[in-house]
C-alpha atoms as a PDB file:
ATOM      1  CA  MET A   1      18.929  47.177-141.099  1.00  0.00           C
ATOM      2  CA  SER A   2      15.603  46.200-139.558  1.00  0.00           C
ATOM      3  CA  GLU A   3      13.153  48.908-138.516  1.00  0.00           C
ATOM      4  CA  ARG A   4      13.680  50.179-134.972  1.00  0.00           C
ATOM      5  CA  ALA A   5      11.141  48.532-132.718  1.00  0.00           C
ATOM      6  CA  VAL A   6       8.639  50.501-130.662  1.00  0.00           C
ATOM      7  CA  LEU A   7       8.716  49.694-126.940  1.00  0.00           C
ATOM      8  CA  GLU A   8       5.524  50.505-125.038  1.00  0.00           C
ATOM      9  CA  VAL A   9       5.514  50.222-121.239  1.00  0.00           C
ATOM     10  CA  ILE A  10       2.540  50.160-118.880  1.00  0.00           C
ATOM     11  CA  ALA A  11       2.650  53.048-116.417  1.00  0.00           C
ATOM     12  CA  LEU A  12       0.461  53.593-113.374  1.00  0.00           C
ATOM     13  CA  ASP A  13       1.794  57.004-112.357  1.00  0.00           C
ATOM     14  CA  ALA A  14       4.416  59.656-112.985  1.00  0.00           C
ATOM     15  CA  GLU A  15       7.169  57.684-111.211  1.00  0.00           C
ATOM     16  CA  ASP A  16       6.601  54.794-113.595  1.00  0.00           C
ATOM     17  CA  ALA A  17       6.563  57.148-116.556  1.00  0.00           C
ATOM     18  CA  ILE A  18       9.882  58.755-115.635  1.00  0.00           C
ATOM     19  CA  ALA A  19      11.559  55.375-115.159  1.00  0.00           C
ATOM     20  CA  ALA A  20      10.152  53.997-118.409  1.00  0.00           C
ATOM     21  CA  ARG A  21      11.386  56.992-120.357  1.00  0.00           C
ATOM     22  CA  ALA A  22      14.811  56.767-118.714  1.00  0.00           C
ATOM     23  CA  GLY A  23      15.039  53.128-119.776  1.00  0.00           C
ATOM     24  CA  GLY A  24      14.258  53.910-123.386  1.00  0.00           C
ATOM     25  CA  ALA A  25      10.506  53.403-123.726  1.00  0.00           C
ATOM     26  CA  ASP A  26       9.019  54.974-126.823  1.00  0.00           C
ATOM     27  CA  ARG A  27       5.468  55.125-125.525  1.00  0.00           C
ATOM     28  CA  LEU A  28       3.406  54.540-122.380  1.00  0.00           C
ATOM     29  CA  GLU A  29       0.097  52.828-121.813  1.00  0.00           C
ATOM     30  CA  LEU A  30      -1.458  54.641-118.868  1.00  0.00           C
ATOM     31  CA  VAL A  31      -3.829  52.595-116.691  1.00  0.00           C
ATOM     32  CA  THR A  32      -4.907  52.051-113.127  1.00  0.00           C
ATOM     33  CA  ASP A  33      -5.883  48.909-111.156  1.00  0.00           C
ATOM     34  CA  MET A  34      -3.867  46.091-112.682  1.00  0.00           C
ATOM     35  CA  ALA A  35      -5.785  43.667-110.463  1.00  0.00           C
ATOM     36  CA  ALA A  36      -8.546  44.240-113.044  1.00  0.00           C
ATOM     37  CA  ASP A  37      -6.024  44.063-115.921  1.00  0.00           C
ATOM     38  CA  GLY A  38      -5.913  47.825-116.336  1.00  0.00           C
ATOM     39  CA  LEU A  39      -8.710  50.373-116.070  1.00  0.00           C
ATOM     40  CA  THR A  40      -9.088  54.056-116.962  1.00  0.00           C
ATOM     41  CA  PRO A  41      -6.793  56.243-114.841  1.00  0.00           C
ATOM     42  CA  PRO A  42      -8.079  59.343-113.031  1.00  0.00           C
ATOM     43  CA  VAL A  43      -7.584  62.668-114.781  1.00  0.00           C
ATOM     44  CA  PRO A  44      -5.094  63.933-112.118  1.00  0.00           C
ATOM     45  CA  VAL A  45      -2.843  60.955-112.858  1.00  0.00           C
ATOM     46  CA  LEU A  46      -2.931  61.750-116.557  1.00  0.00           C
ATOM     47  CA  THR A  47      -2.027  65.376-115.957  1.00  0.00           C
ATOM     48  CA  ALA A  48       0.808  64.423-113.595  1.00  0.00           C
ATOM     49  CA  VAL A  49       2.256  61.959-116.112  1.00  0.00           C
ATOM     50  CA  ARG A  50       1.907  64.429-118.951  1.00  0.00           C
ATOM     51  CA  ALA A  51       3.755  67.040-116.880  1.00  0.00           C
ATOM     52  CA  ALA A  52       6.522  64.545-116.003  1.00  0.00           C
ATOM     53  CA  VAL A  53       7.363  63.151-119.460  1.00  0.00           C
ATOM     54  CA  ASP A  54       6.941  64.191-123.056  1.00  0.00           C
ATOM     55  CA  ILE A  55       6.907  60.785-124.751  1.00  0.00           C
ATOM     56  CA  PRO A  56       3.630  59.604-126.315  1.00  0.00           C
ATOM     57  CA  LEU A  57       1.127  57.935-124.033  1.00  0.00           C
ATOM     58  CA  ARG A  58      -2.047  55.998-124.693  1.00  0.00           C
ATOM     59  CA  VAL A  59      -4.762  56.174-122.068  1.00  0.00           C
ATOM     60  CA  MET A  60      -6.943  53.162-121.305  1.00  0.00           C
ATOM     61  CA  LEU A  61     -10.697  53.525-121.767  1.00  0.00           C
ATOM     62  CA  ARG A  62     -12.088  50.634-119.731  1.00  0.00           C
ATOM     63  CA  LEU A  63     -14.269  51.065-116.663  1.00  0.00           C
ATOM     64  CA  THR A  64     -14.710  47.480-115.446  1.00  0.00           C
ATOM     65  CA  ASP A  65     -12.871  44.179-115.557  1.00  0.00           C
ATOM     66  CA  GLY A  66     -13.606  42.090-118.634  1.00  0.00           C
ATOM     67  CA  PHE A  67     -14.352  43.143-122.184  1.00  0.00           C
ATOM     68  CA  ALA A  68     -17.982  44.266-121.956  1.00  0.00           C
ATOM     69  CA  ALA A  69     -18.392  48.004-122.529  1.00  0.00           C
ATOM     70  CA  GLY A  70     -20.686  48.516-119.552  1.00  0.00           C
ATOM     71  CA  ASP A  71     -21.979  52.066-119.214  1.00  0.00           C
ATOM     72  CA  VAL A  72     -21.272  53.524-122.653  1.00  0.00           C
ATOM     73  CA  ASP A  73     -22.628  56.957-121.750  1.00  0.00           C
ATOM     74  CA  ARG A  74     -20.100  57.122-118.922  1.00  0.00           C
ATOM     75  CA  LEU A  75     -17.310  55.915-121.220  1.00  0.00           C
ATOM     76  CA  VAL A  76     -18.102  58.706-123.639  1.00  0.00           C
ATOM     77  CA  ARG A  77     -18.094  61.279-120.815  1.00  0.00           C
ATOM     78  CA  VAL A  78     -14.780  59.993-119.467  1.00  0.00           C
ATOM     79  CA  ALA A  79     -13.235  60.044-122.923  1.00  0.00           C
ATOM     80  CA  GLY A  80     -14.252  63.677-123.262  1.00  0.00           C
ATOM     81  CA  GLU A  81     -12.812  64.541-119.857  1.00  0.00           C
ATOM     82  CA  LEU A  82      -9.508  62.895-120.723  1.00  0.00           C
ATOM     83  CA  ARG A  83      -9.378  64.682-124.077  1.00  0.00           C
ATOM     84  CA  SER A  84      -9.986  67.985-122.312  1.00  0.00           C
ATOM     85  CA  ALA A  85      -7.169  67.154-119.871  1.00  0.00           C
ATOM     86  CA  GLY A  86      -4.710  66.633-122.723  1.00  0.00           C
ATOM     87  CA  ALA A  87      -4.962  62.973-123.687  1.00  0.00           C
ATOM     88  CA  GLU A  88      -4.235  62.528-127.392  1.00  0.00           C
ATOM     89  CA  GLU A  89      -4.005  58.734-127.790  1.00  0.00           C
ATOM     90  CA  PHE A  90      -6.141  55.929-126.372  1.00  0.00           C
ATOM     91  CA  VAL A  91      -6.595  52.194-125.841  1.00  0.00           C
ATOM     92  CA  LEU A  92      -9.983  50.468-125.950  1.00  0.00           C
ATOM     93  CA  GLY A  93     -11.854  47.360-127.074  1.00  0.00           C
ATOM     94  CA  PHE A  94     -15.300  45.991-126.300  1.00  0.00           C
ATOM     95  CA  LEU A  95     -16.874  42.616-127.060  1.00  0.00           C
ATOM     96  CA  ALA A  96     -20.502  41.560-127.174  1.00  0.00           C
ATOM     97  CA  ALA A  97     -21.787  38.459-125.412  1.00  0.00           C
ATOM     98  CA  ASP A  98     -21.329  36.351-128.562  1.00  0.00           C
ATOM     99  CA  GLY A  99     -17.612  37.146-128.741  1.00  0.00           C
ATOM    100  CA  GLY A 100     -17.941  39.607-131.595  1.00  0.00           C
ATOM    101  CA  VAL A 101     -17.061  43.283-131.433  1.00  0.00           C
ATOM    102  CA  ASP A 102     -19.562  45.485-129.640  1.00  0.00           C
ATOM    103  CA  LEU A 103     -19.442  47.781-132.626  1.00  0.00           C
ATOM    104  CA  GLY A 104     -22.039  50.195-131.307  1.00  0.00           C
ATOM    105  CA  ALA A 105     -20.038  50.851-128.144  1.00  0.00           C
ATOM    106  CA  VAL A 106     -16.746  51.107-130.009  1.00  0.00           C
ATOM    107  CA  GLU A 107     -18.166  53.539-132.552  1.00  0.00           C
ATOM    108  CA  ARG A 108     -19.671  55.793-129.880  1.00  0.00           C
ATOM    109  CA  VAL A 109     -16.422  55.990-127.927  1.00  0.00           C
ATOM    110  CA  VAL A 110     -14.311  56.487-131.041  1.00  0.00           C
ATOM    111  CA  ALA A 111     -16.581  59.346-132.104  1.00  0.00           C
ATOM    112  CA  ALA A 112     -15.795  61.054-128.791  1.00  0.00           C
ATOM    113  CA  LEU A 113     -12.068  60.769-129.561  1.00  0.00           C
ATOM    114  CA  ASP A 114     -12.458  63.021-132.584  1.00  0.00           C
ATOM    115  CA  GLY A 115      -9.830  61.313-134.726  1.00  0.00           C
ATOM    116  CA  CYS A 116      -7.237  60.588-132.032  1.00  0.00           C
ATOM    117  CA  PRO A 117      -5.101  57.492-132.681  1.00  0.00           C
ATOM    118  CA  TRP A 118      -6.074  54.429-130.674  1.00  0.00           C
ATOM    119  CA  THR A 119      -5.207  50.794-130.031  1.00  0.00           C
ATOM    120  CA  PHE A 120      -7.718  47.947-130.040  1.00  0.00           C
ATOM    121  CA  HIS A 121      -6.410  46.006-127.054  1.00  0.00           C
ATOM    122  CA  ARG A 122      -6.362  42.331-126.111  1.00  0.00           C
ATOM    123  CA  ALA A 123     -10.101  41.955-126.469  1.00  0.00           C
ATOM    124  CA  LEU A 124      -8.899  40.698-129.855  1.00  0.00           C
ATOM    125  CA  ASP A 125      -7.440  37.622-128.145  1.00  0.00           C
ATOM    126  CA  HIS A 126     -10.770  36.833-126.484  1.00  0.00           C
ATOM    127  CA  ALA A 127     -12.917  37.339-129.563  1.00  0.00           C
ATOM    128  CA  ALA A 128     -14.686  34.458-131.283  1.00  0.00           C
ATOM    129  CA  ASP A 129     -13.047  35.262-134.642  1.00  0.00           C
ATOM    130  CA  ARG A 130      -9.929  37.423-134.935  1.00  0.00           C
ATOM    131  CA  ASP A 131     -10.350  38.051-138.644  1.00  0.00           C
ATOM    132  CA  ALA A 132     -13.986  39.044-138.169  1.00  0.00           C
ATOM    133  CA  VAL A 133     -12.895  41.618-135.577  1.00  0.00           C
ATOM    134  CA  ARG A 134     -10.580  43.259-138.063  1.00  0.00           C
ATOM    135  CA  LYS A 135     -13.267  43.328-140.732  1.00  0.00           C
ATOM    136  CA  GLN A 136     -15.774  44.881-138.321  1.00  0.00           C
ATOM    137  CA  LEU A 137     -13.332  47.585-137.246  1.00  0.00           C
ATOM    138  CA  ASP A 138     -11.959  48.327-140.698  1.00  0.00           C
ATOM    139  CA  GLY A 139     -12.214  51.993-141.530  1.00  0.00           C
ATOM    140  CA  LEU A 140     -12.867  53.330-138.043  1.00  0.00           C
ATOM    141  CA  PRO A 141     -11.073  56.664-137.643  1.00  0.00           C
ATOM    142  CA  GLY A 142      -7.887  56.631-135.586  1.00  0.00           C
ATOM    143  CA  LEU A 143      -7.417  52.853-135.312  1.00  0.00           C
ATOM    144  CA  ASP A 144      -3.739  52.249-135.977  1.00  0.00           C
ATOM    145  CA  THR A 145      -2.720  49.396-133.629  1.00  0.00           C
ATOM    146  CA  TYR A 146      -3.810  45.976-132.384  1.00  0.00           C
ATOM    147  CA  LEU A 147      -2.393  44.875-129.028  1.00  0.00           C
ATOM    148  CA  THR A 148      -2.319  41.079-129.008  1.00  0.00           C
ATOM    149  CA  ALA A 149      -0.647  38.025-127.554  1.00  0.00           C
ATOM    150  CA  GLY A 150      -2.105  35.812-130.248  1.00  0.00           C
ATOM    151  CA  SER A 151      -3.992  33.822-127.609  1.00  0.00           C
ATOM    152  CA  PRO A 152      -6.052  34.492-124.475  1.00  0.00           C
ATOM    153  CA  THR A 153      -3.379  32.743-122.430  1.00  0.00           C
ATOM    154  CA  GLY A 154      -0.414  34.745-123.669  1.00  0.00           C
ATOM    155  CA  VAL A 155       2.417  34.826-126.177  1.00  0.00           C
ATOM    156  CA  ASP A 156       3.658  31.300-125.378  1.00  0.00           C
ATOM    157  CA  GLU A 157       0.474  29.817-126.851  1.00  0.00           C
ATOM    158  CA  GLY A 158      -0.124  32.625-129.311  1.00  0.00           C
ATOM    159  CA  LEU A 159       3.292  32.751-130.962  1.00  0.00           C
ATOM    160  CA  PRO A 160       2.302  30.773-134.102  1.00  0.00           C
ATOM    161  CA  THR A 161      -0.667  33.089-134.643  1.00  0.00           C
ATOM    162  CA  LEU A 162       1.491  36.164-134.156  1.00  0.00           C
ATOM    163  CA  LEU A 163       4.135  34.934-136.575  1.00  0.00           C
ATOM    164  CA  ALA A 164       1.464  34.247-139.197  1.00  0.00           C
ATOM    165  CA  GLU A 165      -0.241  37.607-138.727  1.00  0.00           C
ATOM    166  CA  ALA A 166       3.048  39.503-138.856  1.00  0.00           C
ATOM    167  CA  THR A 167       3.551  38.428-142.466  1.00  0.00           C
ATOM    168  CA  ARG A 168       0.160  39.784-143.611  1.00  0.00           C
ATOM    169  CA  GLY A 169       0.989  43.453-143.304  1.00  0.00           C
ATOM    170  CA  GLY A 170      -1.986  45.787-143.228  1.00  0.00           C
ATOM    171  CA  ASP A 171      -2.743  49.328-142.159  1.00  0.00           C
ATOM    172  CA  GLN A 172      -2.594  48.639-138.407  1.00  0.00           C
ATOM    173  CA  GLN A 173       0.556  47.916-136.455  1.00  0.00           C
ATOM    174  CA  LEU A 174       0.807  44.623-134.582  1.00  0.00           C
ATOM    175  CA  LEU A 175       1.791  45.450-130.989  1.00  0.00           C
ATOM    176  CA  VAL A 176       2.761  42.236-129.210  1.00  0.00           C
ATOM    177  CA  GLY A 177       2.173  41.952-125.474  1.00  0.00           C
ATOM    178  CA  GLY A 178       0.700  39.667-122.852  1.00  0.00           C
ATOM    179  CA  GLY A 179       3.134  37.290-121.193  1.00  0.00           C
ATOM    180  CA  LEU A 180       5.828  38.536-123.561  1.00  0.00           C
ATOM    181  CA  ARG A 181       9.385  37.473-122.667  1.00  0.00           C
ATOM    182  CA  LEU A 182      12.758  38.413-124.052  1.00  0.00           C
ATOM    183  CA  ASP A 183      13.211  34.944-125.556  1.00  0.00           C
ATOM    184  CA  HIS A 184      10.141  35.535-127.744  1.00  0.00           C
ATOM    185  CA  VAL A 185      11.695  38.598-129.346  1.00  0.00           C
ATOM    186  CA  PRO A 186      14.097  37.103-131.935  1.00  0.00           C
ATOM    187  CA  ALA A 187      11.433  35.055-133.734  1.00  0.00           C
ATOM    188  CA  LEU A 188       8.978  37.950-133.662  1.00  0.00           C
ATOM    189  CA  ARG A 189      11.557  40.383-135.015  1.00  0.00           C
ATOM    190  CA  ARG A 190      12.510  37.976-137.808  1.00  0.00           C
ATOM    191  CA  ALA A 191       8.832  37.760-138.748  1.00  0.00           C
ATOM    192  CA  GLY A 192       8.663  41.542-139.015  1.00  0.00           C
ATOM    193  CA  VAL A 193       7.048  42.560-135.724  1.00  0.00           C
ATOM    194  CA  THR A 194       8.085  46.119-134.911  1.00  0.00           C
ATOM    195  CA  ALA A 195       6.188  46.931-131.710  1.00  0.00           C
ATOM    196  CA  PHE A 196       6.335  45.374-128.244  1.00  0.00           C
ATOM    197  CA  HIS A 197       4.339  45.992-125.057  1.00  0.00           C
ATOM    198  CA  ILE A 198       5.494  45.120-121.543  1.00  0.00           C
ATOM    199  CA  GLY A 199       3.973  45.447-118.087  1.00  0.00           C
ATOM    200  CA  GLY A 200       5.156  42.982-115.472  1.00  0.00           C
ATOM    201  CA  ALA A 201       8.422  42.534-117.375  1.00  0.00           C
ATOM    202  CA  ALA A 202       9.274  46.139-116.513  1.00  0.00           C
ATOM    203  CA  ARG A 203       8.713  45.477-112.800  1.00  0.00           C
ATOM    204  CA  PRO A 204      11.033  42.822-111.373  1.00  0.00           C
ATOM    205  CA  GLY A 205       9.568  43.565-107.925  1.00  0.00           C
ATOM    206  CA  GLY A 206       5.978  42.939-109.034  1.00  0.00           C
ATOM    207  CA  TRP A 207       3.053  45.288-109.543  1.00  0.00           C
ATOM    208  CA  GLN A 208       3.402  46.750-106.043  1.00  0.00           C
ATOM    209  CA  LYS A 209       6.795  48.169-107.047  1.00  0.00           C
ATOM    210  CA  PRO A 210       7.504  50.868-109.640  1.00  0.00           C
ATOM    211  CA  VAL A 211       8.807  50.384-113.154  1.00  0.00           C
ATOM    212  CA  SER A 212      12.521  49.617-113.223  1.00  0.00           C
ATOM    213  CA  ALA A 213      14.483  51.796-115.627  1.00  0.00           C
ATOM    214  CA  GLU A 214      17.126  49.076-115.789  1.00  0.00           C
ATOM    215  CA  ALA A 215      14.590  46.419-116.783  1.00  0.00           C
ATOM    216  CA  VAL A 216      13.239  48.684-119.520  1.00  0.00           C
ATOM    217  CA  ARG A 217      16.787  49.439-120.646  1.00  0.00           C
ATOM    218  CA  ASN A 218      17.447  45.706-120.996  1.00  0.00           C
ATOM    219  CA  TRP A 219      14.408  45.355-123.246  1.00  0.00           C
ATOM    220  CA  ARG A 220      15.527  48.365-125.276  1.00  0.00           C
ATOM    221  CA  HIS A 221      18.932  46.762-125.772  1.00  0.00           C
ATOM    222  CA  VAL A 222      17.485  43.441-126.924  1.00  0.00           C
ATOM    223  CA  LEU A 223      15.033  45.095-129.307  1.00  0.00           C
ATOM    224  CA  ASP A 224      17.742  47.315-130.780  1.00  0.00           C
ATOM    225  CA  ARG A 225      19.872  44.263-131.532  1.00  0.00           C
ATOM    226  CA  GLY A 226      17.114  43.269-133.986  1.00  0.00           C
END
């Protein structure tokens, strides 16, 4: 039997979190402002979500749209505030102007996480060299996941890259998301992908409506079929 797939769902608030859990989500990615592709949520939102559900959640560390780190001192302060408020897992990823990892910014923020597990998000898809990113990040404490669509434009274009990378193995889990659809799942599962990330797919009414437990449940069913 194939390994049970992890289903991660983007949540904006406690209502989303409750619905995602009811539908069978294994983990949440907690963000705010999806018009900017997901920024760091306020501490009160984190505490409300943490009080509402007990499933794992990863909190976004990203203060502005795009993949530049911006104010690293502020990022470090915010990371500390979120840790103090109970955050135990995170999502981050910063690129320099040349398309390489902004390693200085990443290392400073990761140091503030004090060993917490974290995902390097879809900055990977916008980097100049995907393999170079992995080499630069190799050995950083807590890094256990790469969130990727295989392409800046989404899974449709990135599927060949994802299928190739899934066969390589490695210490970090490949979490596939970004324009992910249910019809992508069979090929990805056959290739060995065991983690999937959805946002808009969990919201049939769009981002102005809450997560649909039924939509999440449908994804859970498809993933459990293997």
